[in-house]
Amino acid sequence: MAAVIGWYKLRLAVRCLQVGGVIAYPTEAVYGLGCDPLSQGAVQRIRDLKGRPARKGLILVAADFGQLLPFVEPLDAARMAHVFGSWPGPVTWLLPARRTTSPLLTGPHSTLAVRVTAHPVAAALCRAWGGALVSTSANRSGRPPARTGLQVRLRLGPQVDFLLNGPCGGRSRPSTIRDGRSGAEVRP
């Protein structure tokens, strides 16, 4: 899939991220808005663009668990085996956030929502970037998420700095969210 998109487009997306840009890219079900999770300005831009309340955290997406380790603390081996058994895939887990993780990402919570994606474009983007990215649906809060690049442009316009166009996966709903400590489903 990355070859279909072209490495040059991935490089352009990475350059945009490096300068604090906000990008849109396809995921398993919908287009996501993404940015460097360490860029407070970019994270705040996404929050403002979506109209996302401070009480709600954001999701980080990665190509592998190692890309998430700067932001979360692993659970015990048995719990992590359960988490790893669902990845890569459309399951987002709430894991304990490191003390250094920004509250712009976690909201008022002690956990952070993280996912190792199975979507080839999103995974290729994370590999090209070299780390995890913010991944929140490309829409204003309370509105339907974009499922095509055209919908991203029509709904969010120039507020998105770069659009990595490609097909979304076949899921009809965004990722399931589960609590890593208990396994309980938070969002079906």
N, C-alpha and C. Protein backbone atom coordinates (compact mmCIF):
# COMPACT_ATOMS: atom_id res chain seq x y z
N MET A 1 0.83 -1.19 0.00
CA MET A 1 0.00 0.00 0.00
C MET A 1 0.87 1.25 0.00
N ALA A 2 1.97 1.25 0.77
CA ALA A 2 2.83 2.42 0.80
C ALA A 2 3.38 2.72 -0.58
N ALA A 3 3.69 1.66 -1.36
CA ALA A 3 4.20 1.87 -2.70
C ALA A 3 3.16 2.54 -3.59
N VAL A 4 1.89 2.21 -3.37
CA VAL A 4 0.81 2.83 -4.14
C VAL A 4 0.73 4.31 -3.83
N ILE A 5 0.92 4.67 -2.57
CA ILE A 5 0.87 6.07 -2.16
C ILE A 5 2.11 6.80 -2.63
N GLY A 6 3.22 6.16 -2.59
CA GLY A 6 4.48 6.77 -2.99
C GLY A 6 5.25 7.28 -1.79
N TRP A 7 6.51 6.89 -1.75
CA TRP A 7 7.36 7.31 -0.63
C TRP A 7 7.51 8.82 -0.59
N TYR A 8 7.46 9.48 -1.75
CA TYR A 8 7.59 10.94 -1.76
C TYR A 8 6.45 11.60 -1.00
N LYS A 9 5.24 11.04 -1.09
CA LYS A 9 4.12 11.60 -0.34
C LYS A 9 4.30 11.36 1.16
N LEU A 10 4.83 10.20 1.52
CA LEU A 10 5.13 9.95 2.94
C LEU A 10 6.17 10.95 3.43
N ARG A 11 7.19 11.21 2.62
CA ARG A 11 8.22 12.18 3.01
C ARG A 11 7.63 13.57 3.18
N LEU A 12 6.71 13.95 2.28
CA LEU A 12 6.06 15.26 2.41
C LEU A 12 5.24 15.34 3.70
N ALA A 13 4.55 14.25 4.03
CA ALA A 13 3.78 14.22 5.28
C ALA A 13 4.70 14.37 6.48
N VAL A 14 5.84 13.66 6.45
CA VAL A 14 6.81 13.75 7.55
C VAL A 14 7.36 15.17 7.67
N ARG A 15 7.67 15.80 6.56
CA ARG A 15 8.16 17.19 6.61
C ARG A 15 7.13 18.11 7.25
N CYS A 16 5.87 17.89 6.91
CA CYS A 16 4.80 18.69 7.51
C CYS A 16 4.74 18.48 9.02
N LEU A 17 4.85 17.23 9.45
CA LEU A 17 4.85 16.92 10.88
C LEU A 17 6.03 17.57 11.58
N GLN A 18 7.19 17.57 10.94
CA GLN A 18 8.41 18.12 11.54
C GLN A 18 8.30 19.61 11.84
N VAL A 19 7.47 20.32 11.09
CA VAL A 19 7.33 21.76 11.31
C VAL A 19 6.05 22.09 12.09
N GLY A 20 5.48 21.09 12.76
CA GLY A 20 4.31 21.33 13.60
C GLY A 20 3.00 21.34 12.87
N GLY A 21 2.96 20.70 11.69
CA GLY A 21 1.74 20.68 10.90
C GLY A 21 0.74 19.65 11.37
N VAL A 22 -0.49 19.81 10.89
CA VAL A 22 -1.58 18.88 11.12
C VAL A 22 -1.88 18.19 9.79
N ILE A 23 -1.90 16.87 9.81
CA ILE A 23 -2.15 16.11 8.60
C ILE A 23 -3.41 15.27 8.76
N ALA A 24 -3.94 14.82 7.63
CA ALA A 24 -5.05 13.86 7.62
C ALA A 24 -4.59 12.64 6.86
N TYR A 25 -5.00 11.46 7.32
CA TYR A 25 -4.56 10.21 6.71
C TYR A 25 -5.60 9.12 6.97
N PRO A 26 -5.66 8.10 6.09
CA PRO A 26 -6.65 7.05 6.26
C PRO A 26 -6.27 6.08 7.38
N THR A 27 -7.28 5.56 8.06
CA THR A 27 -7.08 4.53 9.10
C THR A 27 -8.04 3.38 8.81
N GLU A 28 -8.20 2.50 9.77
CA GLU A 28 -9.02 1.31 9.58
C GLU A 28 -10.46 1.61 9.19
N ALA A 29 -11.04 2.69 9.70
CA ALA A 29 -12.46 2.99 9.44
C ALA A 29 -12.68 4.38 8.86
N VAL A 30 -11.95 5.37 9.33
CA VAL A 30 -12.17 6.76 8.95
C VAL A 30 -10.83 7.46 8.74
N TYR A 31 -10.88 8.66 8.22
CA TYR A 31 -9.66 9.47 8.15
C TYR A 31 -9.34 9.98 9.54
N GLY A 32 -8.06 10.03 9.85
CA GLY A 32 -7.61 10.56 11.12
C GLY A 32 -6.91 11.89 10.92
N LEU A 33 -6.97 12.72 11.95
CA LEU A 33 -6.13 13.91 12.03
C LEU A 33 -4.93 13.55 12.87
N GLY A 34 -3.77 13.94 12.43
CA GLY A 34 -2.57 13.58 13.16
C GLY A 34 -1.58 14.71 13.24
N CYS A 35 -0.68 14.56 14.22
CA CYS A 35 0.41 15.50 14.40
C CYS A 35 1.45 14.84 15.30
N ASP A 36 2.55 15.53 15.46
CA ASP A 36 3.60 15.12 16.39
C ASP A 36 3.03 15.23 17.81
N PRO A 37 2.95 14.13 18.55
CA PRO A 37 2.37 14.22 19.90
C PRO A 37 3.22 15.04 20.88
N LEU A 38 4.46 15.33 20.52
CA LEU A 38 5.32 16.14 21.38
C LEU A 38 5.22 17.63 21.06
N SER A 39 4.52 17.98 19.99
CA SER A 39 4.34 19.38 19.62
C SER A 39 3.05 19.89 20.25
N GLN A 40 3.19 20.60 21.36
CA GLN A 40 2.00 21.09 22.06
C GLN A 40 1.17 22.01 21.18
N GLY A 41 1.84 22.80 20.35
CA GLY A 41 1.11 23.69 19.45
C GLY A 41 0.27 22.92 18.45
N ALA A 42 0.84 21.86 17.87
CA ALA A 42 0.10 21.06 16.89
C ALA A 42 -1.04 20.31 17.57
N VAL A 43 -0.80 19.75 18.75
CA VAL A 43 -1.85 19.04 19.47
C VAL A 43 -3.00 20.00 19.80
N GLN A 44 -2.66 21.20 20.24
CA GLN A 44 -3.69 22.18 20.56
C GLN A 44 -4.45 22.59 19.30
N ARG A 45 -3.77 22.69 18.17
CA ARG A 45 -4.46 23.01 16.90
C ARG A 45 -5.51 21.96 16.58
N ILE A 46 -5.16 20.68 16.76
CA ILE A 46 -6.14 19.62 16.51
C ILE A 46 -7.31 19.72 17.47
N ARG A 47 -7.02 19.96 18.74
CA ARG A 47 -8.10 20.10 19.71
C ARG A 47 -9.03 21.25 19.33
N ASP A 48 -8.44 22.39 18.94
CA ASP A 48 -9.23 23.55 18.55
C ASP A 48 -10.02 23.28 17.26
N LEU A 49 -9.38 22.66 16.28
CA LEU A 49 -10.03 22.35 15.01
C LEU A 49 -11.25 21.47 15.22
N LYS A 50 -11.12 20.48 16.10
CA LYS A 50 -12.23 19.57 16.38
C LYS A 50 -13.25 20.16 17.35
N GLY A 51 -12.84 21.16 18.14
CA GLY A 51 -13.70 21.64 19.22
C GLY A 51 -13.78 20.59 20.31
N ARG A 52 -12.65 19.89 20.53
CA ARG A 52 -12.61 18.77 21.47
C ARG A 52 -12.45 19.29 22.89
N PRO A 53 -13.35 18.90 23.80
CA PRO A 53 -13.25 19.38 25.18
C PRO A 53 -12.00 18.85 25.88
N ALA A 54 -11.47 19.63 26.79
CA ALA A 54 -10.24 19.27 27.51
C ALA A 54 -10.40 17.98 28.31
N ARG A 55 -11.63 17.61 28.68
CA ARG A 55 -11.85 16.40 29.48
C ARG A 55 -11.66 15.13 28.67
N LYS A 56 -11.58 15.26 27.35
CA LYS A 56 -11.39 14.09 26.50
C LYS A 56 -9.94 14.03 26.04
N GLY A 57 -9.34 12.87 26.21
CA GLY A 57 -7.99 12.67 25.73
C GLY A 57 -7.98 12.39 24.23
N LEU A 58 -6.80 12.13 23.72
CA LEU A 58 -6.61 11.80 22.31
C LEU A 58 -6.00 10.40 22.21
N ILE A 59 -6.01 9.84 21.02
CA ILE A 59 -5.41 8.53 20.76
C ILE A 59 -4.08 8.73 20.07
N LEU A 60 -3.11 7.88 20.42
CA LEU A 60 -1.87 7.79 19.67
C LEU A 60 -1.89 6.49 18.88
N VAL A 61 -1.44 6.55 17.64
CA VAL A 61 -1.35 5.38 16.78
C VAL A 61 0.12 5.16 16.46
N ALA A 62 0.50 3.88 16.30
CA ALA A 62 1.90 3.56 16.03
C ALA A 62 1.98 2.33 15.13
N ALA A 63 3.18 2.12 14.59
CA ALA A 63 3.44 0.93 13.77
C ALA A 63 3.85 -0.25 14.64
N ASP A 64 4.36 0.01 15.84
CA ASP A 64 4.73 -1.04 16.78
C ASP A 64 4.72 -0.47 18.19
N PHE A 65 4.70 -1.36 19.17
CA PHE A 65 4.58 -0.92 20.56
C PHE A 65 5.75 -0.05 21.01
N GLY A 66 6.93 -0.30 20.49
CA GLY A 66 8.10 0.50 20.86
C GLY A 66 7.88 1.98 20.62
N GLN A 67 7.11 2.34 19.60
CA GLN A 67 6.84 3.74 19.31
C GLN A 67 5.93 4.39 20.36
N LEU A 68 5.24 3.57 21.14
CA LEU A 68 4.33 4.09 22.17
C LEU A 68 5.00 4.20 23.54
N LEU A 69 6.13 3.51 23.72
CA LEU A 69 6.79 3.46 25.04
C LEU A 69 7.19 4.82 25.61
N PRO A 70 7.51 5.83 24.81
CA PRO A 70 7.79 7.13 25.42
C PRO A 70 6.59 7.77 26.13
N PHE A 71 5.39 7.24 25.87
CA PHE A 71 4.16 7.87 26.37
C PHE A 71 3.42 7.05 27.41
N VAL A 72 3.64 5.72 27.44
CA VAL A 72 2.88 4.86 28.34
C VAL A 72 3.79 3.93 29.12
N GLU A 73 3.27 3.46 30.24
CA GLU A 73 3.93 2.45 31.06
C GLU A 73 3.30 1.10 30.75
N PRO A 74 4.10 0.09 30.45
CA PRO A 74 3.51 -1.23 30.20
C PRO A 74 2.86 -1.79 31.47
N LEU A 75 1.87 -2.62 31.26
CA LEU A 75 1.22 -3.33 32.37
C LEU A 75 2.00 -4.62 32.63
N ASP A 76 1.52 -5.44 33.57
CA ASP A 76 2.18 -6.72 33.84
C ASP A 76 2.12 -7.61 32.59
N ALA A 77 2.96 -8.63 32.57
CA ALA A 77 3.13 -9.47 31.37
C ALA A 77 1.82 -10.10 30.90
N ALA A 78 0.99 -10.56 31.82
CA ALA A 78 -0.27 -11.21 31.43
C ALA A 78 -1.20 -10.22 30.73
N ARG A 79 -1.32 -9.01 31.28
CA ARG A 79 -2.18 -7.99 30.67
C ARG A 79 -1.62 -7.56 29.31
N MET A 80 -0.31 -7.39 29.25
CA MET A 80 0.29 -6.97 27.98
C MET A 80 0.15 -8.05 26.92
N ALA A 81 0.17 -9.32 27.32
CA ALA A 81 -0.04 -10.39 26.35
C ALA A 81 -1.43 -10.27 25.72
N HIS A 82 -2.42 -9.89 26.52
CA HIS A 82 -3.78 -9.68 26.02
C HIS A 82 -3.80 -8.50 25.04
N VAL A 83 -3.14 -7.42 25.40
CA VAL A 83 -3.06 -6.24 24.53
C VAL A 83 -2.37 -6.61 23.22
N PHE A 84 -1.20 -7.24 23.32
CA PHE A 84 -0.44 -7.60 22.12
C PHE A 84 -1.21 -8.57 21.23
N GLY A 85 -2.06 -9.40 21.83
CA GLY A 85 -2.85 -10.34 21.05
C GLY A 85 -3.87 -9.67 20.13
N SER A 86 -4.18 -8.41 20.40
CA SER A 86 -5.16 -7.68 19.59
C SER A 86 -4.49 -6.77 18.55
N TRP A 87 -3.17 -6.71 18.58
CA TRP A 87 -2.43 -5.81 17.68
C TRP A 87 -1.58 -6.58 16.70
N PRO A 88 -1.29 -6.04 15.53
CA PRO A 88 -1.89 -4.80 15.04
C PRO A 88 -3.36 -5.03 14.72
N GLY A 89 -4.13 -3.99 14.94
CA GLY A 89 -5.55 -4.11 14.68
C GLY A 89 -6.34 -2.94 15.22
N PRO A 90 -7.65 -2.97 15.04
CA PRO A 90 -8.51 -1.84 15.38
C PRO A 90 -8.97 -1.81 16.84
N VAL A 91 -8.09 -2.18 17.75
CA VAL A 91 -8.41 -2.11 19.17
C VAL A 91 -7.46 -1.09 19.82
N THR A 92 -8.06 -0.09 20.45
CA THR A 92 -7.32 0.93 21.18
C THR A 92 -7.37 0.58 22.66
N TRP A 93 -6.22 0.66 23.31
CA TRP A 93 -6.13 0.31 24.74
C TRP A 93 -5.79 1.53 25.57
N LEU A 94 -6.41 1.64 26.73
CA LEU A 94 -6.06 2.67 27.71
C LEU A 94 -4.97 2.08 28.60
N LEU A 95 -3.78 2.65 28.50
CA LEU A 95 -2.64 2.20 29.30
C LEU A 95 -2.18 3.34 30.20
N PRO A 96 -1.51 3.03 31.31
CA PRO A 96 -1.05 4.09 32.20
C PRO A 96 -0.10 5.05 31.47
N ALA A 97 -0.40 6.33 31.55
CA ALA A 97 0.43 7.34 30.91
C ALA A 97 1.68 7.59 31.76
N ARG A 98 2.79 7.82 31.09
CA ARG A 98 4.00 8.25 31.81
C ARG A 98 3.75 9.63 32.39
N ARG A 99 4.45 9.95 33.44
CA ARG A 99 4.29 11.27 34.09
C ARG A 99 4.65 12.40 33.14
N THR A 100 5.51 12.12 32.18
CA THR A 100 5.96 13.14 31.23
C THR A 100 4.99 13.34 30.06
N THR A 101 3.95 12.53 29.97
CA THR A 101 2.99 12.65 28.87
C THR A 101 2.10 13.86 29.10
N SER A 102 1.96 14.66 28.08
CA SER A 102 1.22 15.92 28.16
C SER A 102 -0.26 15.69 28.47
N PRO A 103 -0.83 16.51 29.35
CA PRO A 103 -2.27 16.45 29.60
C PRO A 103 -3.09 16.86 28.37
N LEU A 104 -2.47 17.49 27.38
CA LEU A 104 -3.19 17.75 26.13
C LEU A 104 -3.54 16.43 25.45
N LEU A 105 -2.74 15.38 25.70
CA LEU A 105 -3.00 14.06 25.14
C LEU A 105 -3.92 13.23 26.03
N THR A 106 -3.73 13.30 27.33
CA THR A 106 -4.47 12.44 28.26
C THR A 106 -5.77 13.05 28.77
N GLY A 107 -5.90 14.37 28.65
CA GLY A 107 -7.01 15.03 29.35
C GLY A 107 -6.72 14.90 30.84
N PRO A 108 -7.72 14.84 31.69
CA PRO A 108 -7.49 14.74 33.12
C PRO A 108 -7.22 13.30 33.59
N HIS A 109 -7.03 12.38 32.66
CA HIS A 109 -6.92 10.96 32.98
C HIS A 109 -5.48 10.54 33.25
N SER A 110 -5.33 9.43 33.96
CA SER A 110 -4.00 8.87 34.23
C SER A 110 -3.60 7.86 33.16
N THR A 111 -4.47 7.67 32.18
CA THR A 111 -4.21 6.72 31.10
C THR A 111 -4.14 7.47 29.77
N LEU A 112 -3.58 6.77 28.78
CA LEU A 112 -3.52 7.30 27.42
C LEU A 112 -4.05 6.23 26.48
N ALA A 113 -4.85 6.62 25.52
CA ALA A 113 -5.40 5.70 24.53
C ALA A 113 -4.37 5.48 23.43
N VAL A 114 -4.01 4.21 23.19
CA VAL A 114 -2.97 3.89 22.20
C VAL A 114 -3.38 2.70 21.36
N ARG A 115 -2.87 2.67 20.11
CA ARG A 115 -3.19 1.57 19.20
C ARG A 115 -2.01 1.32 18.27
N VAL A 116 -1.72 0.05 18.02
CA VAL A 116 -0.80 -0.34 16.95
C VAL A 116 -1.69 -0.67 15.77
N THR A 117 -1.59 0.13 14.73
CA THR A 117 -2.51 0.04 13.61
C THR A 117 -2.16 -1.10 12.65
N ALA A 118 -3.21 -1.65 12.06
CA ALA A 118 -3.05 -2.65 11.00
C ALA A 118 -3.22 -2.00 9.63
N HIS A 119 -3.60 -0.73 9.60
CA HIS A 119 -3.81 -0.06 8.31
C HIS A 119 -2.46 0.21 7.65
N PRO A 120 -2.24 -0.27 6.43
CA PRO A 120 -0.91 -0.17 5.83
C PRO A 120 -0.42 1.26 5.63
N VAL A 121 -1.31 2.19 5.30
CA VAL A 121 -0.88 3.57 5.10
C VAL A 121 -0.53 4.22 6.44
N ALA A 122 -1.39 4.05 7.44
CA ALA A 122 -1.12 4.64 8.76
C ALA A 122 0.16 4.05 9.36
N ALA A 123 0.36 2.74 9.20
CA ALA A 123 1.59 2.11 9.72
C ALA A 123 2.82 2.62 8.97
N ALA A 124 2.73 2.73 7.64
CA ALA A 124 3.86 3.24 6.85
C ALA A 124 4.18 4.68 7.26
N LEU A 125 3.15 5.47 7.54
CA LEU A 125 3.35 6.84 7.97
C LEU A 125 4.09 6.88 9.31
N CYS A 126 3.68 6.05 10.25
CA CYS A 126 4.36 6.01 11.56
C CYS A 126 5.81 5.55 11.41
N ARG A 127 6.05 4.57 10.54
CA ARG A 127 7.44 4.12 10.31
C ARG A 127 8.26 5.24 9.69
N ALA A 128 7.71 5.93 8.69
CA ALA A 128 8.44 7.03 8.04
C ALA A 128 8.70 8.17 9.02
N TRP A 129 7.74 8.45 9.88
CA TRP A 129 7.87 9.49 10.90
C TRP A 129 8.88 9.06 11.98
N GLY A 130 8.89 7.76 12.28
CA GLY A 130 9.79 7.24 13.30
C GLY A 130 9.21 7.22 14.69
N GLY A 131 7.90 7.29 14.79
CA GLY A 131 7.27 7.29 16.11
C GLY A 131 5.77 7.31 16.02
N ALA A 132 5.16 7.44 17.18
CA ALA A 132 3.70 7.49 17.28
C ALA A 132 3.19 8.84 16.81
N LEU A 133 1.93 8.84 16.39
CA LEU A 133 1.26 10.07 15.96
C LEU A 133 -0.07 10.19 16.68
N VAL A 134 -0.51 11.42 16.86
CA VAL A 134 -1.88 11.64 17.31
C VAL A 134 -2.79 11.09 16.23
N SER A 135 -3.87 10.44 16.63
CA SER A 135 -4.85 9.91 15.68
C SER A 135 -6.24 10.11 16.24
N THR A 136 -6.92 11.11 15.73
CA THR A 136 -8.30 11.38 16.13
C THR A 136 -9.10 11.56 14.87
N SER A 137 -10.35 11.19 14.89
CA SER A 137 -11.15 11.23 13.67
C SER A 137 -11.17 12.63 13.06
N ALA A 138 -11.14 12.65 11.73
CA ALA A 138 -11.12 13.92 10.99
C ALA A 138 -12.54 14.47 10.88
N ASN A 139 -12.93 15.20 11.88
CA ASN A 139 -14.24 15.82 11.94
C ASN A 139 -14.26 16.80 13.11
N ARG A 140 -15.24 17.67 13.08
CA ARG A 140 -15.49 18.52 14.24
C ARG A 140 -16.29 17.67 15.24
N SER A 141 -16.07 17.88 16.52
CA SER A 141 -16.76 17.08 17.54
C SER A 141 -18.26 17.10 17.32
N GLY A 142 -18.85 15.91 17.40
CA GLY A 142 -20.28 15.77 17.23
C GLY A 142 -20.73 15.63 15.79
N ARG A 143 -19.83 15.75 14.83
CA ARG A 143 -20.16 15.63 13.41
C ARG A 143 -19.63 14.30 12.88
N PRO A 144 -20.17 13.80 11.77
CA PRO A 144 -19.69 12.53 11.22
C PRO A 144 -18.22 12.62 10.78
N PRO A 145 -17.47 11.55 11.00
CA PRO A 145 -16.06 11.56 10.58
C PRO A 145 -15.93 11.42 9.07
N ALA A 146 -14.87 11.98 8.53
CA ALA A 146 -14.58 11.88 7.10
C ALA A 146 -14.11 10.47 6.77
N ARG A 147 -14.60 9.94 5.66
CA ARG A 147 -14.20 8.61 5.20
C ARG A 147 -13.45 8.67 3.87
N THR A 148 -13.32 9.87 3.31
CA THR A 148 -12.56 10.06 2.07
C THR A 148 -11.73 11.34 2.19
N GLY A 149 -10.72 11.43 1.35
CA GLY A 149 -9.92 12.65 1.32
C GLY A 149 -10.76 13.85 0.92
N LEU A 150 -11.69 13.66 -0.01
CA LEU A 150 -12.57 14.76 -0.42
C LEU A 150 -13.40 15.26 0.75
N GLN A 151 -13.93 14.35 1.55
CA GLN A 151 -14.70 14.78 2.72
C GLN A 151 -13.83 15.56 3.70
N VAL A 152 -12.57 15.17 3.86
CA VAL A 152 -11.66 15.93 4.73
C VAL A 152 -11.55 17.36 4.21
N ARG A 153 -11.29 17.52 2.92
CA ARG A 153 -11.12 18.85 2.34
C ARG A 153 -12.40 19.68 2.43
N LEU A 154 -13.55 19.06 2.15
CA LEU A 154 -14.81 19.81 2.20
C LEU A 154 -15.17 20.24 3.61
N ARG A 155 -14.88 19.39 4.59
CA ARG A 155 -15.30 19.68 5.97
C ARG A 155 -14.28 20.48 6.77
N LEU A 156 -13.00 20.28 6.49
CA LEU A 156 -11.97 20.93 7.31
C LEU A 156 -11.10 21.91 6.54
N GLY A 157 -11.16 21.84 5.21
CA GLY A 157 -10.49 22.81 4.34
C GLY A 157 -9.03 23.03 4.65
N PRO A 158 -8.61 24.28 4.58
CA PRO A 158 -7.19 24.61 4.73
C PRO A 158 -6.66 24.47 6.16
N GLN A 159 -7.51 24.11 7.08
CA GLN A 159 -7.03 23.91 8.45
C GLN A 159 -6.19 22.65 8.58
N VAL A 160 -6.28 21.78 7.57
CA VAL A 160 -5.42 20.60 7.49
C VAL A 160 -4.27 20.96 6.56
N ASP A 161 -3.05 20.83 7.05
CA ASP A 161 -1.87 21.27 6.30
C ASP A 161 -1.47 20.29 5.19
N PHE A 162 -1.75 19.00 5.39
CA PHE A 162 -1.36 18.01 4.39
C PHE A 162 -2.35 16.85 4.44
N LEU A 163 -2.76 16.39 3.26
CA LEU A 163 -3.68 15.27 3.15
C LEU A 163 -2.95 14.11 2.49
N LEU A 164 -2.80 13.01 3.23
CA LEU A 164 -2.22 11.79 2.69
C LEU A 164 -3.40 10.94 2.23
N ASN A 165 -3.69 11.02 0.94
CA ASN A 165 -4.88 10.39 0.40
C ASN A 165 -4.69 8.89 0.24
N GLY A 166 -5.73 8.14 0.50
CA GLY A 166 -5.72 6.70 0.33
C GLY A 166 -7.01 6.13 0.86
N PRO A 167 -7.27 4.86 0.60
CA PRO A 167 -8.52 4.26 1.06
C PRO A 167 -8.47 3.92 2.55
N CYS A 168 -9.60 4.10 3.21
CA CYS A 168 -9.73 3.63 4.59
C CYS A 168 -9.91 2.12 4.55
N GLY A 169 -9.69 1.49 5.69
CA GLY A 169 -9.93 0.05 5.80
C GLY A 169 -11.43 -0.22 5.74
N GLY A 170 -11.81 -1.45 5.86
CA GLY A 170 -13.20 -1.85 5.68
C GLY A 170 -14.08 -1.74 6.90
N ARG A 171 -13.58 -1.23 8.01
CA ARG A 171 -14.42 -1.15 9.22
C ARG A 171 -15.48 -0.08 9.08
N SER A 172 -16.65 -0.36 9.64
CA SER A 172 -17.72 0.63 9.60
C SER A 172 -17.71 1.55 10.81
N ARG A 173 -17.02 1.13 11.87
CA ARG A 173 -16.96 1.94 13.10
C ARG A 173 -15.51 2.17 13.50
N PRO A 174 -15.24 3.29 14.18
CA PRO A 174 -13.89 3.53 14.69
C PRO A 174 -13.46 2.41 15.64
N SER A 175 -12.21 2.42 16.03
CA SER A 175 -11.65 1.35 16.85
C SER A 175 -12.39 1.18 18.17
N THR A 176 -12.44 -0.06 18.62
CA THR A 176 -12.94 -0.39 19.95
C THR A 176 -11.93 0.14 20.95
N ILE A 177 -12.39 0.66 22.08
CA ILE A 177 -11.48 1.12 23.14
C ILE A 177 -11.71 0.24 24.36
N ARG A 178 -10.60 -0.29 24.90
CA ARG A 178 -10.67 -1.16 26.08
C ARG A 178 -9.70 -0.64 27.14
N ASP A 179 -10.05 -0.87 28.39
CA ASP A 179 -9.18 -0.53 29.51
C ASP A 179 -8.15 -1.63 29.68
N GLY A 180 -6.88 -1.28 29.58
CA GLY A 180 -5.82 -2.27 29.68
C GLY A 180 -5.73 -2.95 31.02
N ARG A 181 -6.10 -2.25 32.09
CA ARG A 181 -5.98 -2.83 33.42
C ARG A 181 -7.05 -3.87 33.70
N SER A 182 -8.25 -3.64 33.16
CA SER A 182 -9.37 -4.56 33.46
C SER A 182 -9.81 -5.37 32.23
N GLY A 183 -9.48 -4.89 31.05
CA GLY A 183 -9.97 -5.51 29.82
C GLY A 183 -11.36 -5.06 29.44
N ALA A 184 -12.01 -4.24 30.28
CA ALA A 184 -13.38 -3.81 30.03
C ALA A 184 -13.45 -2.95 28.78
N GLU A 185 -14.54 -3.12 28.05
CA GLU A 185 -14.78 -2.32 26.86
C GLU A 185 -15.31 -0.94 27.26
N VAL A 186 -14.65 0.10 26.76
CA VAL A 186 -15.04 1.48 27.07
C VAL A 186 -15.86 2.04 25.93
N ARG A 187 -15.49 1.70 24.67
CA ARG A 187 -16.25 2.08 23.48
C ARG A 187 -16.31 0.88 22.56
N PRO A 188 -17.55 0.46 22.21
CA PRO A 188 -17.66 -0.71 21.32
C PRO A 188 -17.16 -0.42 19.91
